[in-house]
C-alpha atoms as a PDB file:
ATOM      1  CA  ARG A   1      -3.739  -5.231 -16.061  1.00  0.00           C
ATOM      2  CA  ALA A   2      -1.470  -5.441 -13.060  1.00  0.00           C
ATOM      3  CA  LEU A   3      -1.632  -7.133  -9.677  1.00  0.00           C
ATOM      4  CA  TYR A   4       0.424  -6.212  -6.615  1.00  0.00           C
ATOM      5  CA  ILE A   5       0.611  -8.377  -3.480  1.00  0.00           C
ATOM      6  CA  GLY A   6       2.600  -7.174  -0.474  1.00  0.00           C
ATOM      7  CA  ALA A   7       3.056  -4.335   1.989  1.00  0.00           C
ATOM      8  CA  ALA A   8       1.011  -1.227   1.259  1.00  0.00           C
ATOM      9  CA  SER A   9       3.068   1.872   0.523  1.00  0.00           C
ATOM     10  CA  ASP A  10       2.196   5.289   1.911  1.00  0.00           C
ATOM     11  CA  THR A  11       1.692   7.479  -1.136  1.00  0.00           C
ATOM     12  CA  THR A  12       1.471  11.153  -1.937  1.00  0.00           C
ATOM     13  CA  PRO A  13      -1.740  12.362  -3.670  1.00  0.00           C
ATOM     14  CA  HIS A  14      -1.763  11.053  -7.240  1.00  0.00           C
ATOM     15  CA  LEU A  15      -4.028   9.911 -10.055  1.00  0.00           C
ATOM     16  CA  HIS A  16      -3.747   7.518 -12.977  1.00  0.00           C
ATOM     17  CA  HIS A  17      -5.752   6.026 -15.811  1.00  0.00           C
ATOM     18  CA  ALA A  18      -6.450   2.645 -14.230  1.00  0.00           C
ATOM     19  CA  ILE A  19      -9.338   1.630 -12.023  1.00  0.00           C
ATOM     20  CA  GLN A  20      -7.637   0.616  -8.764  1.00  0.00           C
ATOM     21  CA  ILE A  21      -8.967  -2.134  -6.505  1.00  0.00           C
ATOM     22  CA  CYS A  22      -7.373  -2.313  -3.054  1.00  0.00           C
ATOM     23  CA  VAL A  23      -8.102  -5.041  -0.486  1.00  0.00           C
ATOM     24  CA  ALA A  24      -6.362  -5.212   2.892  1.00  0.00           C
ATOM     25  CA  LEU A  25      -5.344  -8.752   3.786  1.00  0.00           C
ATOM     26  CA  ASN A  26      -5.091  -7.827   7.467  1.00  0.00           C
ATOM     27  CA  GLY A  27      -6.726  -4.865   9.146  1.00  0.00           C
ATOM     28  CA  ARG A  28      -7.799  -1.866   7.100  1.00  0.00           C
ATOM     29  CA  VAL A  29      -6.066   0.752   4.995  1.00  0.00           C
ATOM     30  CA  ARG A  30      -6.758   4.472   5.027  1.00  0.00           C
ATOM     31  CA  LEU A  31      -7.731   6.252   1.807  1.00  0.00           C
ATOM     32  CA  ARG A  32      -8.817   9.744   0.902  1.00  0.00           C
ATOM     33  CA  PRO A  33      -9.721  11.354  -2.441  1.00  0.00           C
ATOM     34  CA  GLY A  34      -7.364  14.301  -1.997  1.00  0.00           C
ATOM     35  CA  PRO A  35      -5.170  16.185   0.500  1.00  0.00           C
ATOM     36  CA  GLU A  36      -8.090  18.362   1.639  1.00  0.00           C
ATOM     37  CA  SER A  37     -10.386  15.386   2.316  1.00  0.00           C
ATOM     38  CA  ARG A  38     -10.763  13.335   5.474  1.00  0.00           C
ATOM     39  CA  TRP A  39      -9.227   9.868   5.759  1.00  0.00           C
ATOM     40  CA  ARG A  40     -11.516   6.822   5.832  1.00  0.00           C
ATOM     41  CA  ARG A  41     -10.644   3.247   6.694  1.00  0.00           C
ATOM     42  CA  TYR A  42     -11.494   0.435   4.286  1.00  0.00           C
ATOM     43  CA  GLY A  43     -11.236  -3.326   4.299  1.00  0.00           C
ATOM     44  CA  GLY A  44     -11.450  -3.013   0.528  1.00  0.00           C
ATOM     45  CA  ALA A  45     -12.191  -0.216  -1.925  1.00  0.00           C
ATOM     46  CA  ILE A  46     -12.467   0.641  -5.618  1.00  0.00           C
ATOM     47  CA  ILE A  47     -10.918   3.896  -6.780  1.00  0.00           C
ATOM     48  CA  ARG A  48     -12.343   5.091 -10.059  1.00  0.00           C
ATOM     49  CA  SER A  49     -10.234   5.958 -13.094  1.00  0.00           C
ATOM     50  CA  HIS A  50      -8.624   9.442 -13.121  1.00  0.00           C
ATOM     51  CA  GLN A  51      -9.443   9.972  -9.459  1.00  0.00           C
ATOM     52  CA  ASN A  52      -6.982  11.830  -7.274  1.00  0.00           C
ATOM     53  CA  HIS A  53      -6.308   9.740  -4.148  1.00  0.00           C
ATOM     54  CA  GLN A  54      -3.849   9.038  -1.366  1.00  0.00           C
ATOM     55  CA  LEU A  55      -3.133   5.774   0.476  1.00  0.00           C
ATOM     56  CA  ASP A  56      -1.933   5.237   4.032  1.00  0.00           C
ATOM     57  CA  GLY A  57      -1.061   1.550   4.235  1.00  0.00           C
ATOM     58  CA  SER A  58      -1.207   1.478   8.061  1.00  0.00           C
ATOM     59  CA  GLY A  59       1.206  -1.459   8.047  1.00  0.00           C
ATOM     60  CA  CYS A  60      -1.203  -3.677   6.111  1.00  0.00           C
ATOM     61  CA  GLU A  61      -0.512  -6.360   3.557  1.00  0.00           C
ATOM     62  CA  VAL A  62      -2.669  -5.714   0.512  1.00  0.00           C
ATOM     63  CA  VAL A  63      -3.830  -6.988  -2.836  1.00  0.00           C
ATOM     64  CA  ILE A  64      -4.021  -4.148  -5.359  1.00  0.00           C
ATOM     65  CA  ALA A  65      -5.394  -4.757  -8.855  1.00  0.00           C
ATOM     66  CA  TYR A  66      -5.067  -2.200 -11.640  1.00  0.00           C
ATOM     67  CA  LEU A  67      -7.527  -2.455 -14.521  1.00  0.00           C
ATOM     68  CA  GLU A  68      -7.778  -0.114 -17.485  1.00  0.00           C
ATOM     69  CA  PRO A  69     -11.345   1.169 -17.884  1.00  0.00           C
ATOM     70  CA  GLU A  70     -11.420   0.569 -21.636  1.00  0.00           C
ATOM     71  CA  SER A  71     -10.620  -3.135 -21.191  1.00  0.00           C
ATOM     72  CA  GLU A  72     -13.458  -5.656 -21.439  1.00  0.00           C
ATOM     73  CA  GLU A  73     -13.431  -6.311 -17.680  1.00  0.00           C
ATOM     74  CA  GLY A  74     -13.094  -2.611 -16.918  1.00  0.00           C
ATOM     75  CA  ARG A  75     -16.225  -1.875 -18.924  1.00  0.00           C
ATOM     76  CA  ARG A  76     -18.073  -4.624 -17.045  1.00  0.00           C
ATOM     77  CA  LEU A  77     -17.030  -3.419 -13.623  1.00  0.00           C
ATOM     78  CA  ALA A  78     -19.770  -1.363 -11.977  1.00  0.00           C
ATOM     79  CA  VAL A  79     -17.857   1.626 -10.625  1.00  0.00           C
ATOM     80  CA  GLU A  80     -20.042   4.170  -8.848  1.00  0.00           C
ATOM     81  CA  SER A  81     -19.684   7.923  -9.199  1.00  0.00           C
ATOM     82  CA  ALA A  82     -18.210   8.154  -5.687  1.00  0.00           C
ATOM     83  CA  PRO A  83     -14.447   8.839  -5.793  1.00  0.00           C
ATOM     84  CA  ILE A  84     -13.739   5.842  -3.551  1.00  0.00           C
ATOM     85  CA  GLN A  85     -16.270   3.018  -3.321  1.00  0.00           C
ATOM     86  CA  ALA A  86     -16.212   0.588  -0.379  1.00  0.00           C
ATOM     87  CA  ILE A  87     -16.197  -3.130  -1.198  1.00  0.00           C
ATOM     88  CA  THR A  88     -18.732  -5.169   0.772  1.00  0.00           C
ATOM     89  CA  PRO A  89     -17.415  -7.156   3.764  1.00  0.00           C
ATOM     90  CA  ALA A  90     -18.540 -10.411   2.112  1.00  0.00           C
ATOM     91  CA  SER A  91     -16.506  -9.680  -1.033  1.00  0.00           C
ATOM     92  CA  VAL A  92     -13.501  -8.603   1.045  1.00  0.00           C
ATOM     93  CA  ALA A  93     -13.655 -11.902   2.965  1.00  0.00           C
ATOM     94  CA  ALA A  94     -13.893 -13.930  -0.264  1.00  0.00           C
ATOM     95  CA  ILE A  95     -10.932 -12.097  -1.838  1.00  0.00           C
ATOM     96  CA  ARG A  96      -8.879 -12.605   1.339  1.00  0.00           C
ATOM     97  CA  ALA A  97      -9.614 -16.340   1.251  1.00  0.00           C
ATOM     98  CA  THR A  98      -8.422 -16.584  -2.355  1.00  0.00           C
ATOM     99  CA  ALA A  99      -5.342 -14.514  -1.516  1.00  0.00           C
ATOM    100  CA  ASP A 100      -4.533 -16.795   1.441  1.00  0.00           C
ATOM    101  CA  ALA A 101      -4.619 -19.776  -0.924  1.00  0.00           C
ATOM    102  CA  ALA A 102      -2.391 -17.978  -3.424  1.00  0.00           C
ATOM    103  CA  LEU A 103       0.089 -17.022  -0.711  1.00  0.00           C
ATOM    104  CA  SER A 104       0.205 -20.450   0.958  1.00  0.00           C
ATOM    105  CA  ASP A 105       3.226 -21.275  -1.206  1.00  0.00           C
ATOM    106  CA  GLN A 106       5.504 -19.113  -3.295  1.00  0.00           C
ATOM    107  CA  VAL A 107       3.249 -17.048  -5.529  1.00  0.00           C
ATOM    108  CA  SER A 108       3.228 -18.259  -9.118  1.00  0.00           C
ATOM    109  CA  PRO A 109       1.906 -16.441 -12.189  1.00  0.00           C
ATOM    110  CA  GLU A 110      -0.926 -18.971 -12.320  1.00  0.00           C
ATOM    111  CA  ALA A 111      -1.917 -18.258  -8.699  1.00  0.00           C
ATOM    112  CA  ALA A 112      -1.778 -14.529  -9.383  1.00  0.00           C
ATOM    113  CA  ILE A 113      -4.038 -14.963 -12.420  1.00  0.00           C
ATOM    114  CA  ARG A 114      -6.596 -16.889 -10.366  1.00  0.00           C
ATOM    115  CA  LEU A 115      -6.516 -14.214  -7.671  1.00  0.00           C
ATOM    116  CA  PHE A 116      -6.942 -11.415 -10.209  1.00  0.00           C
ATOM    117  CA  ARG A 117      -9.922 -13.165 -11.804  1.00  0.00           C
ATOM    118  CA  ASP A 118     -11.504 -13.886  -8.419  1.00  0.00           C
ATOM    119  CA  VAL A 119     -11.252 -10.221  -7.485  1.00  0.00           C
ATOM    120  CA  LEU A 120     -13.121  -9.287 -10.671  1.00  0.00           C
ATOM    121  CA  VAL A 121     -15.788 -11.947 -10.149  1.00  0.00           C
ATOM    122  CA  GLN A 122     -16.397 -10.771  -6.586  1.00  0.00           C
ATOM    123  CA  LEU A 123     -16.873  -7.217  -7.871  1.00  0.00           C
ATOM    124  CA  GLY A 124     -19.354  -8.137 -10.602  1.00  0.00           C
ATOM    125  CA  ALA A 125     -17.037  -7.906 -13.594  1.00  0.00           C
ATOM    126  CA  GLY A 126     -18.517 -11.180 -14.863  1.00  0.00           C
ATOM    127  CA  SER A 127     -21.881  -9.553 -15.534  1.00  0.00           C
ATOM    128  CA  GLU A 128     -23.134  -8.229 -18.844  1.00  0.00           C
ATOM    129  CA  ARG A 129     -20.875  -5.608 -20.369  1.00  0.00           C
ATOM    130  CA  ARG A 130     -21.881  -1.979 -19.941  1.00  0.00           C
ATOM    131  CA  GLY A 131     -21.017  -0.831 -23.428  1.00  0.00           C
ATOM    132  CA  VAL A 132     -19.024  -1.729 -26.507  1.00  0.00           C
ATOM    133  CA  LEU A 133     -15.751  -0.038 -27.349  1.00  0.00           C
ATOM    134  CA  ASP A 134     -15.780   1.664 -30.735  1.00  0.00           C
ATOM    135  CA  ASP A 135     -13.911  -0.508 -33.264  1.00  0.00           C
ATOM    136  CA  ARG A 136     -11.942   2.499 -34.523  1.00  0.00           C
ATOM    137  CA  VAL A 137     -10.709   3.264 -31.010  1.00  0.00           C
ATOM    138  CA  ARG A 138      -9.947  -0.418 -30.485  1.00  0.00           C
ATOM    139  CA  LYS A 139      -7.699  -0.374 -33.577  1.00  0.00           C
ATOM    140  CA  VAL A 140      -5.760   2.570 -32.160  1.00  0.00           C
ATOM    141  CA  LEU A 141      -5.333   0.928 -28.755  1.00  0.00           C
ATOM    142  CA  LEU A 142      -4.089  -2.293 -30.343  1.00  0.00           C
ATOM    143  CA  ALA A 143      -1.645  -0.404 -32.568  1.00  0.00           C
ATOM    144  CA  VAL A 144      -0.229   1.635 -29.673  1.00  0.00           C
ATOM    145  CA  ARG A 145       0.018  -1.409 -27.389  1.00  0.00           C
ATOM    146  CA  ALA A 146       1.851  -3.325 -30.101  1.00  0.00           C
ATOM    147  CA  ASP A 147       4.536  -0.598 -30.240  1.00  0.00           C
ATOM    148  CA  PRO A 148       4.374   1.242 -26.885  1.00  0.00           C
ATOM    149  CA  THR A 149       7.798   2.931 -27.016  1.00  0.00           C
ATOM    150  CA  ARG A 150       7.188   4.491 -30.435  1.00  0.00           C
ATOM    151  CA  ARG A 151       6.860   8.265 -30.394  1.00  0.00           C
ATOM    152  CA  TRP A 152       3.347   8.236 -31.786  1.00  0.00           C
ATOM    153  CA  ARG A 153       1.846  11.357 -33.283  1.00  0.00           C
ATOM    154  CA  VAL A 154      -1.910  11.914 -33.134  1.00  0.00           C
ATOM    155  CA  ALA A 155      -1.979  11.983 -36.945  1.00  0.00           C
ATOM    156  CA  GLU A 156      -0.476   8.461 -37.010  1.00  0.00           C
ATOM    157  CA  MET A 157      -3.025   7.238 -34.487  1.00  0.00           C
ATOM    158  CA  ALA A 158      -5.811   8.780 -36.595  1.00  0.00           C
ATOM    159  CA  GLU A 159      -4.471   7.021 -39.682  1.00  0.00           C
ATOM    160  CA  ALA A 160      -4.612   3.677 -37.849  1.00  0.00           C
ATOM    161  CA  ALA A 161      -8.262   4.382 -37.035  1.00  0.00           C
ATOM    162  CA  GLY A 162      -9.178   5.673 -40.481  1.00  0.00           C
ATOM    163  CA  LEU A 163     -10.267   9.022 -39.028  1.00  0.00           C
ATOM    164  CA  SER A 164      -9.207  12.637 -39.131  1.00  0.00           C
ATOM    165  CA  SER A 165      -7.085  13.775 -36.189  1.00  0.00           C
ATOM    166  CA  ARG A 166      -9.878  16.007 -34.940  1.00  0.00           C
ATOM    167  CA  ARG A 167     -12.476  13.241 -35.066  1.00  0.00           C
ATOM    168  CA  LEU A 168     -10.159  10.763 -33.367  1.00  0.00           C
ATOM    169  CA  ARG A 169      -9.528  13.190 -30.494  1.00  0.00           C
ATOM    170  CA  GLN A 170     -13.272  13.508 -29.964  1.00  0.00           C
ATOM    171  CA  ILE A 171     -14.072   9.789 -30.091  1.00  0.00           C
ATOM    172  CA  PHE A 172     -10.975   8.742 -28.143  1.00  0.00           C
ATOM    173  CA  ALA A 173     -11.676  11.120 -25.252  1.00  0.00           C
ATOM    174  CA  SER A 174     -15.312  10.021 -24.986  1.00  0.00           C
ATOM    175  CA  GLN A 175     -14.479   6.295 -25.155  1.00  0.00           C
ATOM    176  CA  VAL A 176     -11.236   6.085 -23.170  1.00  0.00           C
ATOM    177  CA  GLY A 177     -11.673   9.008 -20.808  1.00  0.00           C
ATOM    178  CA  LEU A 178      -8.475  10.919 -21.561  1.00  0.00           C
ATOM    179  CA  SER A 179      -6.722  12.520 -24.499  1.00  0.00           C
ATOM    180  CA  CYS A 180      -4.560  10.659 -26.982  1.00  0.00           C
ATOM    181  CA  ARG A 181      -1.423  12.308 -25.587  1.00  0.00           C
ATOM    182  CA  GLN A 182      -2.315  11.417 -21.999  1.00  0.00           C
ATOM    183  CA  TYR A 183      -2.914   7.829 -23.022  1.00  0.00           C
ATOM    184  CA  LEU A 184       0.477   7.657 -24.733  1.00  0.00           C
ATOM    185  CA  LEU A 185       2.110   8.885 -21.516  1.00  0.00           C
ATOM    186  CA  TRP A 186       0.293   6.109 -19.623  1.00  0.00           C
ATOM    187  CA  THR A 187       1.619   3.460 -22.032  1.00  0.00           C
ATOM    188  CA  HIS A 188       5.153   4.867 -21.666  1.00  0.00           C
ATOM    189  CA  LEU A 189       4.864   4.508 -17.899  1.00  0.00           C
ATOM    190  CA  ASP A 190       3.737   0.910 -18.348  1.00  0.00           C
ATOM    191  CA  SER A 191       6.686   0.274 -20.658  1.00  0.00           C
ATOM    192  CA  ALA A 192       9.111   1.733 -18.109  1.00  0.00           C
ATOM    193  CA  LEU A 193       7.770  -0.634 -15.450  1.00  0.00           C
ATOM    194  CA  ARG A 194       8.340  -3.570 -17.781  1.00  0.00           C
ATOM    195  CA  GLN A 195      11.918  -2.406 -18.325  1.00  0.00           C
ATOM    196  CA  LEU A 196      12.482  -2.176 -14.563  1.00  0.00           C
ATOM    197  CA  ALA A 197      10.986  -5.649 -14.193  1.00  0.00           C
ATOM    198  CA  GLY A 198      13.591  -6.895 -16.658  1.00  0.00           C
ATOM    199  CA  GLY A 199      16.445  -5.523 -14.559  1.00  0.00           C
ATOM    200  CA  ALA A 200      17.084  -2.214 -16.346  1.00  0.00           C
ATOM    201  CA  SER A 201      18.425   0.735 -14.394  1.00  0.00           C
ATOM    202  CA  LEU A 202      16.190   3.756 -13.882  1.00  0.00           C
ATOM    203  CA  THR A 203      17.971   5.667 -16.642  1.00  0.00           C
ATOM    204  CA  GLU A 204      17.855   2.708 -19.029  1.00  0.00           C
ATOM    205  CA  ALA A 205      14.151   2.175 -18.330  1.00  0.00           C
ATOM    206  CA  ALA A 206      13.372   5.863 -18.829  1.00  0.00           C
ATOM    207  CA  LEU A 207      15.156   6.129 -22.178  1.00  0.00           C
ATOM    208  CA  ALA A 208      13.794   2.812 -23.484  1.00  0.00           C
ATOM    209  CA  ALA A 209      10.241   3.868 -22.614  1.00  0.00           C
ATOM    210  CA  GLY A 210      10.469   7.219 -24.357  1.00  0.00           C
ATOM    211  CA  PHE A 211      11.110   9.555 -21.410  1.00  0.00           C
ATOM    212  CA  ALA A 212      13.685  12.322 -21.696  1.00  0.00           C
ATOM    213  CA  ASP A 213      15.687  11.048 -18.713  1.00  0.00           C
ATOM    214  CA  ALA A 214      15.359   9.388 -15.296  1.00  0.00           C
ATOM    215  CA  ALA A 215      14.131  12.628 -13.711  1.00  0.00           C
ATOM    216  CA  HIS A 216      11.289  12.873 -16.247  1.00  0.00           C
ATOM    217  CA  LEU A 217      10.241   9.300 -15.486  1.00  0.00           C
ATOM    218  CA  THR A 218      10.435   9.909 -11.722  1.00  0.00           C
ATOM    219  CA  ARG A 219       8.242  13.040 -11.905  1.00  0.00           C
ATOM    220  CA  THR A 220       5.652  11.253 -14.036  1.00  0.00           C
ATOM    221  CA  PHE A 221       5.703   8.161 -11.833  1.00  0.00           C
ATOM    222  CA  ARG A 222       5.193  10.196  -8.656  1.00  0.00           C
ATOM    223  CA  ARG A 223       2.305  12.083 -10.248  1.00  0.00           C
ATOM    224  CA  MET A 224       0.567   8.897 -11.382  1.00  0.00           C
ATOM    225  CA  VAL A 225       1.527   6.342  -8.709  1.00  0.00           C
ATOM    226  CA  GLY A 226       2.399   8.433  -5.652  1.00  0.00           C
ATOM    227  CA  ILE A 227       5.843   6.894  -5.013  1.00  0.00           C
ATOM    228  CA  PRO A 228       9.163   7.111  -6.900  1.00  0.00           C
ATOM    229  CA  PRO A 229       9.992   4.276  -9.326  1.00  0.00           C
ATOM    230  CA  SER A 230      13.236   3.658  -7.440  1.00  0.00           C
ATOM    231  CA  ALA A 231      11.173   2.467  -4.447  1.00  0.00           C
ATOM    232  CA  ILE A 232       9.535  -0.198  -6.594  1.00  0.00           C
ATOM    233  CA  ALA A 233      12.739  -1.172  -8.381  1.00  0.00           C
ATOM    234  CA  ARG A 234      14.591  -1.920  -5.141  1.00  0.00           C
ATOM    235  CA  SER A 235      11.804  -3.570  -3.131  1.00  0.00           C
ATOM    236  CA  VAL A 236       9.548  -5.477  -5.543  1.00  0.00           C
ATOM    237  CA  SER A 237      10.041  -8.847  -7.214  1.00  0.00           C
ATOM    238  CA  PHE A 238       8.390  -8.783 -10.619  1.00  0.00           C
ATOM    239  CA  MET A 239       6.601 -11.580 -12.436  1.00  0.00           C
ATOM    240  CA  GLU A 240       5.212 -10.859 -15.863  1.00  0.00           C
ATOM    241  CA  ARG A 241       2.642 -12.826 -17.775  1.00  0.00           C
ATOM    242  CA  LEU A 242      -0.174 -11.807 -20.091  1.00  0.00           C
ATOM    243  CA  ILE A 243      -3.568 -12.653 -18.619  1.00  0.00           C
END
């Protein structure tokens, strides 16, 4: 999970594994599901997992929450089949009120946690879960998350699950929504962000997270996030806490 509060960046078309929730704190942002699509303005929107999209911040301050679809809350969240789903005006207003309270003083991890949880409650993530993650897949996810910079092989992931490599690929793709290798790349990107949050240089973060070099990290980051990691490293203050 991740929560961003601040100025909205203008991005290039990109896609990533997380469900993305974007709420404008003032005005509306523009979103579109791809470079050939028309822009639409939103007070708040949910972008489904693995959906190509582009953001025009229009000078807005935003709250953006990233939630992995295989997480408990991600499986509870009712995401429609539409590429970009508008959030109701009532929910947008409620999220803005919580954000105003969080931003009244210097934002603390505790205030960020409350805001993140309120966003999920407003979007129905507190309702009954929509399915149960296979225990064998859960074991793999826990093992990879416990050692995210390890150069995992699919055979090692299958061993952690007690499955053959072929069977793991099948179950993993159906449960998580992407291949084992794509998921490992996602965890490496997450690890690189944590390194940047700790003050590492771009090259140090790339190598520590398992990328070949800074250029490899930058290409992957642009493809998944729509901006270069250097833009985040120089303009964002990080706070990290497990929630």
